[in-house]
N, C-alpha and C. Protein backbone atom coordinates (compact mmCIF):
# COMPACT_ATOMS: atom_id res chain seq x y z
N UNK A 1 128.66 37.24 72.02
CA UNK A 1 129.49 36.74 73.01
C UNK A 1 128.95 35.57 73.57
N UNK A 2 129.73 34.44 73.29
CA UNK A 2 129.24 33.09 73.87
C UNK A 2 129.25 32.90 75.42
N UNK A 3 128.27 32.49 75.93
CA UNK A 3 128.30 32.26 77.60
C UNK A 3 128.03 30.83 78.02
N UNK A 4 128.85 30.36 78.78
CA UNK A 4 128.24 29.22 79.22
C UNK A 4 127.89 29.07 80.64
N UNK A 5 127.07 28.21 80.73
CA UNK A 5 126.07 27.87 81.95
C UNK A 5 126.20 26.49 82.37
N UNK A 6 126.53 26.16 83.76
CA UNK A 6 126.36 24.80 84.33
C UNK A 6 125.10 24.30 84.61
N UNK A 7 124.76 23.41 84.21
CA UNK A 7 123.39 22.69 84.52
C UNK A 7 123.71 21.20 84.56
N UNK A 8 122.75 20.72 85.47
CA UNK A 8 122.82 19.36 85.77
C UNK A 8 122.72 18.53 84.23
N UNK A 9 123.36 17.47 84.41
CA UNK A 9 123.54 16.56 82.99
C UNK A 9 121.97 16.20 82.43
N UNK A 10 121.18 15.90 83.45
CA UNK A 10 119.81 15.55 83.05
C UNK A 10 119.23 16.56 82.61
N UNK A 11 119.49 17.72 83.13
CA UNK A 11 118.54 19.02 82.75
C UNK A 11 119.19 19.60 80.94
N UNK A 12 120.41 19.24 81.03
CA UNK A 12 120.94 19.61 79.54
C UNK A 12 120.41 18.76 78.54
N UNK A 13 120.27 17.41 78.99
CA UNK A 13 119.85 16.39 77.95
C UNK A 13 118.44 16.77 77.57
N UNK A 14 117.43 17.41 78.67
CA UNK A 14 116.12 17.46 78.42
C UNK A 14 116.00 18.80 77.48
N UNK A 15 116.96 19.72 77.74
CA UNK A 15 116.86 20.77 76.70
C UNK A 15 117.38 20.46 75.36
N UNK A 16 118.26 19.57 75.21
CA UNK A 16 118.70 19.30 74.00
C UNK A 16 117.80 18.46 73.28
N UNK A 17 117.11 17.63 73.89
CA UNK A 17 116.01 16.79 73.33
C UNK A 17 114.90 17.72 72.80
N UNK A 18 114.46 18.68 73.55
CA UNK A 18 113.49 19.58 73.35
C UNK A 18 113.76 20.33 72.08
N UNK A 19 115.18 20.50 72.05
CA UNK A 19 115.55 21.71 70.97
C UNK A 19 115.42 20.76 69.71
N UNK A 20 115.99 19.63 69.84
CA UNK A 20 115.94 18.68 68.70
C UNK A 20 114.61 18.31 68.08
N UNK A 21 113.73 18.17 68.92
CA UNK A 21 112.28 17.99 68.56
C UNK A 21 111.80 19.14 67.89
N UNK A 22 112.10 20.38 68.23
CA UNK A 22 111.52 21.22 67.54
C UNK A 22 112.37 21.79 66.28
N UNK A 23 113.56 21.03 66.09
CA UNK A 23 114.41 21.18 64.98
C UNK A 23 115.28 22.41 64.99
N UNK A 24 115.70 23.01 66.34
CA UNK A 24 116.48 24.14 66.49
C UNK A 24 117.51 23.88 67.12
N UNK A 25 118.50 24.81 67.29
CA UNK A 25 119.79 24.50 68.16
C UNK A 25 119.46 24.83 69.63
N UNK A 26 119.99 24.65 70.49
CA UNK A 26 119.77 24.50 71.99
C UNK A 26 119.80 26.50 72.12
N UNK A 27 120.63 26.91 71.49
CA UNK A 27 120.69 28.32 71.42
C UNK A 27 119.59 29.22 71.07
N UNK A 28 118.81 28.76 70.01
CA UNK A 28 117.53 29.18 69.45
C UNK A 28 116.39 28.65 70.39
N UNK A 29 116.45 27.60 70.76
CA UNK A 29 115.35 27.10 71.67
C UNK A 29 115.25 27.90 73.08
N UNK A 30 116.51 28.15 73.71
CA UNK A 30 116.47 29.00 74.94
C UNK A 30 116.12 30.34 74.60
N UNK A 31 116.58 31.00 73.46
CA UNK A 31 116.30 32.27 73.04
C UNK A 31 114.81 32.36 72.98
N UNK A 32 114.03 31.29 72.31
CA UNK A 32 112.78 31.41 72.08
C UNK A 32 111.91 31.18 73.43
N UNK A 33 112.59 30.36 74.44
CA UNK A 33 111.79 30.45 75.66
C UNK A 33 111.86 31.48 76.44
N UNK A 34 113.09 32.48 76.45
CA UNK A 34 113.24 33.66 77.10
C UNK A 34 112.13 34.66 76.61
N UNK A 35 112.29 34.91 75.07
CA UNK A 35 111.23 35.78 74.34
C UNK A 35 110.02 35.44 74.88
N UNK A 36 109.71 34.55 75.04
CA UNK A 36 108.12 33.95 75.18
C UNK A 36 107.59 34.39 76.51
N UNK A 37 108.70 34.54 77.53
CA UNK A 37 108.42 35.00 79.08
C UNK A 37 108.41 36.34 79.02
N UNK A 38 109.17 37.20 77.97
CA UNK A 38 109.21 38.75 78.41
C UNK A 38 107.84 39.17 78.24
N UNK A 39 106.69 38.93 77.51
CA UNK A 39 105.54 39.74 77.87
C UNK A 39 105.16 39.30 79.09
N UNK A 40 105.10 38.24 79.70
CA UNK A 40 104.58 37.73 81.08
C UNK A 40 105.28 38.65 82.05
N UNK A 41 106.60 39.00 82.09
CA UNK A 41 107.23 39.60 82.77
C UNK A 41 106.81 41.09 82.78
N UNK A 42 106.60 41.73 81.63
CA UNK A 42 106.01 43.07 81.52
C UNK A 42 104.78 43.05 82.27
N UNK A 43 103.81 42.07 82.11
CA UNK A 43 102.66 41.95 82.83
C UNK A 43 102.59 42.02 84.19
N UNK A 44 103.51 41.25 84.54
CA UNK A 44 103.87 41.07 85.93
C UNK A 44 103.91 42.54 86.74
N UNK A 45 104.54 43.39 86.28
CA UNK A 45 104.57 44.90 86.71
C UNK A 45 103.34 45.51 86.48
N UNK A 46 102.51 45.01 85.75
CA UNK A 46 101.25 45.66 85.34
C UNK A 46 101.30 46.68 84.56
N UNK A 47 102.50 46.82 83.82
CA UNK A 47 102.59 47.96 82.74
C UNK A 47 103.30 47.33 81.30
N UNK A 48 102.33 47.49 80.46
CA UNK A 48 102.80 47.00 79.31
C UNK A 48 103.67 48.15 78.53
N UNK A 49 104.39 47.97 77.78
CA UNK A 49 105.19 49.50 76.99
C UNK A 49 103.98 50.30 76.36
N UNK A 50 102.88 49.70 76.06
CA UNK A 50 101.91 50.63 75.41
C UNK A 50 101.55 51.38 76.62
N UNK A 51 101.30 50.88 77.67
CA UNK A 51 100.67 51.42 78.97
C UNK A 51 101.58 52.48 79.45
N UNK A 52 102.82 52.18 79.50
CA UNK A 52 104.02 53.31 79.74
C UNK A 52 103.73 54.59 78.62
N UNK A 53 103.65 54.39 77.38
CA UNK A 53 103.51 55.24 76.40
C UNK A 53 102.25 56.10 76.78
N UNK A 54 101.29 55.38 76.97
CA UNK A 54 99.70 56.09 77.24
C UNK A 54 99.98 56.99 78.54
N UNK A 55 100.89 56.62 79.61
CA UNK A 55 100.84 57.35 80.82
C UNK A 55 101.55 58.67 80.60
N UNK A 56 102.86 58.41 79.75
CA UNK A 56 103.64 59.67 79.48
C UNK A 56 102.78 60.57 78.59
N UNK A 57 101.99 60.24 77.76
CA UNK A 57 101.21 61.29 77.03
C UNK A 57 100.26 61.78 77.74
N UNK A 58 99.63 61.09 78.94
CA UNK A 58 98.50 61.73 79.41
C UNK A 58 99.20 62.67 80.58
N UNK A 59 100.45 62.19 81.06
CA UNK A 59 101.21 63.54 81.89
C UNK A 59 101.63 64.60 81.13
N UNK A 60 101.89 64.58 79.72
CA UNK A 60 102.18 65.62 79.07
C UNK A 60 101.37 66.44 78.62
N UNK A 61 100.14 65.76 78.30
CA UNK A 61 98.79 66.64 77.91
C UNK A 61 98.56 67.36 79.38
N UNK A 62 98.61 66.92 80.52
CA UNK A 62 98.31 67.48 81.50
C UNK A 62 98.85 68.74 81.90
N UNK A 63 99.81 69.34 81.40
CA UNK A 63 100.47 70.80 81.60
C UNK A 63 99.86 71.79 80.74
N UNK A 64 100.20 72.79 81.10
CA UNK A 64 99.46 73.95 80.63
C UNK A 64 100.35 74.37 79.27
N UNK A 65 99.51 74.69 78.24
CA UNK A 65 100.06 75.15 77.11
C UNK A 65 100.42 76.65 76.82
N UNK A 66 99.90 77.47 78.00
CA UNK A 66 100.27 78.79 78.01
C UNK A 66 100.99 79.42 78.92
N UNK A 67 102.15 78.52 79.03
CA UNK A 67 103.39 78.90 79.87
C UNK A 67 104.09 79.88 79.16
N UNK A 68 104.50 81.14 79.64
CA UNK A 68 105.30 81.92 79.00
C UNK A 68 106.63 81.34 78.56
N UNK A 69 107.27 81.78 77.39
CA UNK A 69 108.34 81.13 76.83
C UNK A 69 109.49 82.25 77.32
N UNK A 70 110.55 81.66 77.97
CA UNK A 70 111.63 82.66 78.39
C UNK A 70 112.39 83.29 77.33
N UNK A 71 112.71 84.40 77.54
CA UNK A 71 113.76 84.93 76.60
C UNK A 71 115.13 84.21 76.58
N UNK A 72 115.81 84.27 75.52
CA UNK A 72 117.11 83.66 75.31
C UNK A 72 118.05 84.48 76.33
N UNK A 73 117.87 85.58 77.01
CA UNK A 73 118.84 86.33 77.82
C UNK A 73 118.40 85.62 79.22
N UNK A 74 117.33 85.09 79.64
CA UNK A 74 117.00 84.45 80.72
C UNK A 74 117.63 83.15 81.40
N UNK A 75 118.02 82.65 80.01
CA UNK A 75 118.69 81.18 80.22
C UNK A 75 120.14 81.33 79.80
N UNK A 76 120.82 82.35 79.37
CA UNK A 76 122.05 82.55 79.15
C UNK A 76 122.99 82.07 80.32
N UNK A 77 124.07 81.47 79.79
CA UNK A 77 125.14 81.13 80.83
C UNK A 77 125.35 82.14 82.04
N UNK A 78 125.52 83.50 81.37
CA UNK A 78 125.76 84.57 81.96
C UNK A 78 124.67 85.09 82.94
N UNK A 79 123.39 84.79 82.52
CA UNK A 79 122.46 85.34 83.48
C UNK A 79 122.38 83.96 84.64
N UNK A 80 122.76 82.93 84.30
CA UNK A 80 122.56 81.68 85.21
C UNK A 80 123.71 81.90 86.15
N UNK A 81 125.03 81.82 85.96
CA UNK A 81 126.15 82.04 86.83
C UNK A 81 126.63 83.30 87.10
N UNK A 82 126.26 84.41 86.49
CA UNK A 82 126.79 85.55 86.83
C UNK A 82 128.38 86.05 86.77
N UNK A 83 128.85 86.40 87.88
CA UNK A 83 130.25 86.75 87.86
C UNK A 83 130.88 85.38 88.12
N UNK A 84 130.38 84.39 88.57
CA UNK A 84 131.06 83.08 88.63
C UNK A 84 131.52 82.29 87.60
N UNK A 85 130.94 82.75 86.31
CA UNK A 85 131.23 81.98 85.43
C UNK A 85 131.03 81.67 84.05
C-alpha cells in the first residue's frame, strides 16, 4: 500500500540524490535506512530477540518438572462450571 509523506523540497532532493548515488529507488533507499536502524532500536531497550528467547527459556526451566498432572475430570467444563453451565 503506497503511502505519501510530506517533506521539505530540499529534504526530498537530498533523499533522491542519495538514492540515485546508491543506484536504488527512493523506496528501497528509505527501507534500507529503516532496516539499518532496527537493530539499534532493539539494543536501545537492552534486549535483543536472542536475549528475549534466553530469558523465556530460563523462566521455563525454573519451574518444577514434578508438578502432578490433573486428571481430565478436574479440568472438564462440568467440574469447572458445575450447575451453571
